[in-house]
Protein backbone atom coordinates (compact mmCIF):
# COMPACT_ATOMS: atom_id res chain seq x y z
CA MET A 1 21.67 -82.13 -50.98
CA PHE A 2 24.11 -83.77 -53.41
CA TYR A 3 23.26 -81.21 -56.08
CA LEU A 4 24.27 -78.33 -53.83
CA LEU A 5 27.54 -80.00 -52.83
CA GLU A 6 28.43 -80.66 -56.44
CA LYS A 7 28.18 -76.94 -57.13
CA GLU A 8 30.26 -75.80 -54.18
CA GLN A 9 31.82 -77.68 -51.28
CA PRO A 10 31.15 -76.05 -47.90
CA ASP A 11 33.73 -75.67 -45.16
CA LEU A 12 31.33 -77.26 -42.66
CA ILE A 13 27.83 -78.75 -42.58
CA LEU A 14 25.49 -78.00 -39.68
CA MET A 15 22.39 -80.20 -39.45
CA ASP A 16 19.39 -80.14 -37.16
CA ILE A 17 18.62 -83.63 -35.83
CA ASP A 18 15.17 -82.57 -34.63
CA LYS A 19 14.04 -81.55 -38.12
CA PHE A 20 15.44 -84.51 -40.01
CA GLY A 21 15.57 -87.29 -37.42
CA LYS A 22 17.28 -90.54 -38.32
CA ASP A 23 17.77 -89.36 -41.90
CA CYS A 24 20.05 -86.70 -40.50
CA LEU A 25 22.16 -89.32 -38.74
CA ASN A 26 22.50 -91.25 -42.00
CA ALA A 27 23.39 -88.19 -44.06
CA ILE A 28 27.11 -88.29 -43.33
CA SER A 29 27.60 -91.87 -44.49
CA LYS A 30 25.52 -91.18 -47.62
CA LEU A 31 27.61 -88.13 -48.47
CA LYS A 32 30.92 -89.88 -47.86
CA ALA A 33 29.86 -92.83 -49.99
CA LYS A 34 28.77 -90.56 -52.84
CA ASN A 35 31.99 -88.60 -53.31
CA LEU A 36 35.41 -89.01 -51.68
CA GLU A 37 36.01 -85.25 -51.95
CA TRP A 38 33.25 -84.77 -49.38
CA TYR A 39 34.82 -87.19 -46.91
CA ASN A 40 36.62 -84.50 -44.91
CA ILE A 41 33.78 -81.99 -44.63
CA PRO A 42 33.21 -81.46 -40.89
CA PHE A 43 29.68 -82.17 -39.65
CA LEU A 44 28.08 -80.67 -36.56
CA TYR A 45 24.61 -81.56 -35.36
CA LEU A 46 22.15 -79.47 -33.41
CA ALA A 47 19.56 -81.08 -31.15
CA PHE A 48 16.88 -79.85 -28.78
CA TYR A 49 17.81 -82.37 -26.12
CA ILE A 50 21.02 -84.37 -26.19
CA THR A 51 20.74 -87.82 -24.72
CA ASP A 52 23.62 -90.28 -24.50
CA TRP A 53 22.00 -92.22 -27.35
CA VAL A 54 21.76 -89.14 -29.62
CA LYS A 55 25.36 -88.16 -28.89
CA HIS A 56 26.58 -91.72 -29.47
CA GLN A 57 24.66 -92.11 -32.75
CA ALA A 58 25.83 -88.73 -34.02
CA LEU A 59 29.48 -89.39 -33.22
CA MET A 60 29.31 -92.93 -34.63
CA SER A 61 27.85 -91.54 -37.86
CA GLY A 62 30.89 -89.29 -38.25
CA ALA A 63 29.81 -86.00 -36.71
CA LEU A 64 32.47 -84.07 -34.87
CA ASP A 65 30.12 -82.73 -32.25
CA VAL A 66 26.51 -82.32 -31.16
CA LEU A 67 25.31 -79.02 -29.72
CA CYS A 68 22.17 -78.34 -27.72
CA LYS A 69 20.37 -75.56 -29.58
CA TYR A 70 18.76 -74.32 -26.38
CA GLU A 71 22.03 -74.06 -24.49
CA HIS A 72 22.37 -70.86 -22.48
CA ASP A 73 24.94 -69.32 -24.83
CA ILE A 74 24.43 -71.35 -28.02
CA ASN A 75 25.51 -68.56 -30.38
CA SER A 76 28.88 -68.25 -28.71
CA SER A 77 29.33 -72.03 -28.42
CA LEU A 78 28.36 -72.59 -32.03
CA LEU A 79 30.65 -69.85 -33.33
CA THR A 80 33.53 -71.16 -31.22
CA ARG A 81 33.12 -74.69 -32.54
CA VAL A 82 32.67 -73.62 -36.15
CA ASN A 83 35.82 -71.51 -35.98
CA TYR A 84 37.69 -74.38 -34.37
CA TYR A 85 36.67 -76.97 -36.96
CA ILE A 86 37.26 -74.80 -40.03
CA GLY A 87 40.49 -73.38 -38.68
CA ASN A 88 39.71 -69.70 -38.23
């Protein structure tokens, strides 16, 4: 992941908690510790089922939001949040 970020910094990072588990929740702190230029990259997480624990852990790790990927209108919700966080 660091290699890709060194080539080009994204406007936002979207990660799937279900695919990467606890490593996903640690990713933000690892990225921020690696390079201060990456500190302000917004992070959003996707999860199959959002419990209070998942939401708490994600927000404590530095994510801006956690979205349920099986929400009724996830495409609209995701697009709305992405546009909000990157300022479009």
